Amino acid sequence: MKSMFTMTGQVINVYITPKGMNRKTQEEYGGDDKVQIMGDIPLDNGQSRKELIEIRTSEPHTFEKLIGKPVSLPISFYAPTKGTVIYFMPKGHTVAQMTS
């Protein structure tokens, strides 16, 4: 299955979110592999602005080799709460290094 959305940008960082414990529910959270990608958001006036997007991934080692390089990758996303968007690369998909 193909992803409907594709993101292009430069890989800036790869990290693991800190783990913690929800005091009310006693559920553990965190420990997710994330990659930060800087991309251009086009504006109505023909210019663009830079935005840093964090994407959850199951392939952090692939992205670590691409830090500083331009990439293209399929993404999916959902909004669990108002004002929050979670981006992720669907499992089974791959990231492609772009040529400059």
C-alpha atoms as a PDB file:
ATOM      1  CA  MET A   1       0.000   0.000   0.000  1.00  0.00           C
ATOM      2  CA  LYS A   2       1.356   3.447  -0.922  1.00  0.00           C
ATOM      3  CA  SER A   3       1.283   6.419   1.412  1.00  0.00           C
ATOM      4  CA  MET A   4      -0.846   9.310   0.210  1.00  0.00           C
ATOM      5  CA  PHE A   5       1.607  11.977   1.383  1.00  0.00           C
ATOM      6  CA  THR A   6       5.293  12.486   0.651  1.00  0.00           C
ATOM      7  CA  MET A   7       7.639  14.761   2.589  1.00  0.00           C
ATOM      8  CA  THR A   8      10.908  16.173   1.318  1.00  0.00           C
ATOM      9  CA  GLY A   9      13.531  17.912   3.408  1.00  0.00           C
ATOM     10  CA  GLN A  10      16.886  17.620   5.137  1.00  0.00           C
ATOM     11  CA  VAL A  11      17.482  15.148   7.973  1.00  0.00           C
ATOM     12  CA  ILE A  12      18.583  17.214  10.976  1.00  0.00           C
ATOM     13  CA  ASN A  13      18.563  14.818  13.949  1.00  0.00           C
ATOM     14  CA  VAL A  14      17.587  11.325  15.139  1.00  0.00           C
ATOM     15  CA  TYR A  15      16.759  10.638  18.804  1.00  0.00           C
ATOM     16  CA  ILE A  16      14.732   8.529  21.247  1.00  0.00           C
ATOM     17  CA  THR A  17      12.074  10.263  23.354  1.00  0.00           C
ATOM     18  CA  PRO A  18      12.605   9.943  27.118  1.00  0.00           C
ATOM     19  CA  LYS A  19      10.521   7.351  28.930  1.00  0.00           C
ATOM     20  CA  GLY A  20       8.260   8.291  31.810  1.00  0.00           C
ATOM     21  CA  MET A  21       5.329   7.086  33.879  1.00  0.00           C
ATOM     22  CA  ASN A  22       1.838   8.612  33.940  1.00  0.00           C
ATOM     23  CA  ARG A  23       1.158   9.138  37.653  1.00  0.00           C
ATOM     24  CA  LYS A  24      -2.612   8.756  37.324  1.00  0.00           C
ATOM     25  CA  THR A  25      -2.795   5.673  35.086  1.00  0.00           C
ATOM     26  CA  GLN A  26       0.623   4.165  35.902  1.00  0.00           C
ATOM     27  CA  GLU A  27       1.152   3.674  32.167  1.00  0.00           C
ATOM     28  CA  GLU A  28       4.625   4.043  30.696  1.00  0.00           C
ATOM     29  CA  TYR A  29       5.130   6.454  27.815  1.00  0.00           C
ATOM     30  CA  GLY A  30       8.007   7.523  25.565  1.00  0.00           C
ATOM     31  CA  GLY A  31      10.872   5.526  24.143  1.00  0.00           C
ATOM     32  CA  ASP A  32       9.832   6.326  20.559  1.00  0.00           C
ATOM     33  CA  ASP A  33      12.426   6.700  17.785  1.00  0.00           C
ATOM     34  CA  LYS A  34      12.045  10.111  16.133  1.00  0.00           C
ATOM     35  CA  VAL A  35      13.683  11.897  13.234  1.00  0.00           C
ATOM     36  CA  GLN A  36      13.645  15.661  12.730  1.00  0.00           C
ATOM     37  CA  ILE A  37      13.372  16.864   9.133  1.00  0.00           C
ATOM     38  CA  MET A  38      13.661  20.492   8.032  1.00  0.00           C
ATOM     39  CA  GLY A  39      11.518  21.314   5.041  1.00  0.00           C
ATOM     40  CA  ASP A  40      10.105  24.241   3.095  1.00  0.00           C
ATOM     41  CA  ILE A  41       6.464  25.242   3.502  1.00  0.00           C
ATOM     42  CA  PRO A  42       5.303  27.206   0.422  1.00  0.00           C
ATOM     43  CA  LEU A  43       3.557  30.533   1.071  1.00  0.00           C
ATOM     44  CA  ASP A  44       0.869  32.274  -0.977  1.00  0.00           C
ATOM     45  CA  ASN A  45       3.279  35.075  -1.930  1.00  0.00           C
ATOM     46  CA  GLY A  46       5.657  32.650  -3.686  1.00  0.00           C
ATOM     47  CA  GLN A  47       8.165  32.528  -0.842  1.00  0.00           C
ATOM     48  CA  SER A  48       8.621  29.669   1.609  1.00  0.00           C
ATOM     49  CA  ARG A  49       9.320  29.251   5.300  1.00  0.00           C
ATOM     50  CA  LYS A  50      11.353  26.548   7.015  1.00  0.00           C
ATOM     51  CA  GLU A  51       9.673  24.161   9.419  1.00  0.00           C
ATOM     52  CA  LEU A  52      11.105  21.378  11.556  1.00  0.00           C
ATOM     53  CA  ILE A  53       8.876  18.286  11.597  1.00  0.00           C
ATOM     54  CA  GLU A  54       9.314  15.340  13.967  1.00  0.00           C
ATOM     55  CA  ILE A  55       8.429  11.949  12.538  1.00  0.00           C
ATOM     56  CA  ARG A  56       8.104   8.683  14.437  1.00  0.00           C
ATOM     57  CA  THR A  57      10.061   5.922  12.709  1.00  0.00           C
ATOM     58  CA  SER A  58      10.856   2.253  13.174  1.00  0.00           C
ATOM     59  CA  GLU A  59      14.076   2.715  11.146  1.00  0.00           C
ATOM     60  CA  PRO A  60      16.292   5.146  13.112  1.00  0.00           C
ATOM     61  CA  HIS A  61      19.544   3.593  11.831  1.00  0.00           C
ATOM     62  CA  THR A  62      18.561   4.375   8.242  1.00  0.00           C
ATOM     63  CA  PHE A  63      18.034   8.042   9.105  1.00  0.00           C
ATOM     64  CA  GLU A  64      21.244   8.288  11.159  1.00  0.00           C
ATOM     65  CA  LYS A  65      23.213   7.592   7.968  1.00  0.00           C
ATOM     66  CA  LEU A  66      21.330  10.432   6.223  1.00  0.00           C
ATOM     67  CA  ILE A  67      21.870  13.277   8.730  1.00  0.00           C
ATOM     68  CA  GLY A  68      22.554  16.472   6.769  1.00  0.00           C
ATOM     69  CA  LYS A  69      21.273  15.004   3.507  1.00  0.00           C
ATOM     70  CA  PRO A  70      18.087  15.771   1.528  1.00  0.00           C
ATOM     71  CA  VAL A  71      15.496  12.975   1.592  1.00  0.00           C
ATOM     72  CA  SER A  72      12.030  12.086   0.378  1.00  0.00           C
ATOM     73  CA  LEU A  73       9.793   9.794   2.403  1.00  0.00           C
ATOM     74  CA  PRO A  74       6.170   8.708   2.681  1.00  0.00           C
ATOM     75  CA  ILE A  75       4.365   9.977   5.768  1.00  0.00           C
ATOM     76  CA  SER A  76       1.066   9.479   7.503  1.00  0.00           C
ATOM     77  CA  PHE A  77      -0.319  11.476  10.389  1.00  0.00           C
ATOM     78  CA  TYR A  78      -3.157  11.791  12.881  1.00  0.00           C
ATOM     79  CA  ALA A  79      -4.364  14.373  15.380  1.00  0.00           C
ATOM     80  CA  PRO A  80      -5.021  12.760  18.791  1.00  0.00           C
ATOM     81  CA  THR A  81      -5.952  16.100  20.377  1.00  0.00           C
ATOM     82  CA  LYS A  82      -6.852  19.545  19.121  1.00  0.00           C
ATOM     83  CA  GLY A  83      -3.694  21.347  18.018  1.00  0.00           C
ATOM     84  CA  THR A  84      -1.490  18.230  18.073  1.00  0.00           C
ATOM     85  CA  VAL A  85      -0.398  16.362  14.954  1.00  0.00           C
ATOM     86  CA  ILE A  86       1.625  13.137  15.105  1.00  0.00           C
ATOM     87  CA  TYR A  87       3.636  12.320  11.952  1.00  0.00           C
ATOM     88  CA  PHE A  88       5.025   8.861  11.218  1.00  0.00           C
ATOM     89  CA  MET A  89       6.565   6.873   8.412  1.00  0.00           C
ATOM     90  CA  PRO A  90       4.369   3.817   7.761  1.00  0.00           C
ATOM     91  CA  LYS A  91       6.079   0.489   8.423  1.00  0.00           C
ATOM     92  CA  GLY A  92       7.332  -1.240   5.320  1.00  0.00           C
ATOM     93  CA  HIS A  93       8.056   2.046   3.527  1.00  0.00           C
ATOM     94  CA  THR A  94      11.526   3.391   2.822  1.00  0.00           C
ATOM     95  CA  VAL A  95      13.250   6.746   2.788  1.00  0.00           C
ATOM     96  CA  ALA A  96      15.074   7.836  -0.379  1.00  0.00           C
ATOM     97  CA  GLN A  97      18.114  10.095  -0.457  1.00  0.00           C
ATOM     98  CA  MET A  98      17.619  12.868  -3.001  1.00  0.00           C
ATOM     99  CA  THR A  99      20.351  14.144  -5.289  1.00  0.00           C
ATOM    100  CA  SER A 100      21.261  17.791  -4.971  1.00  0.00           C
END
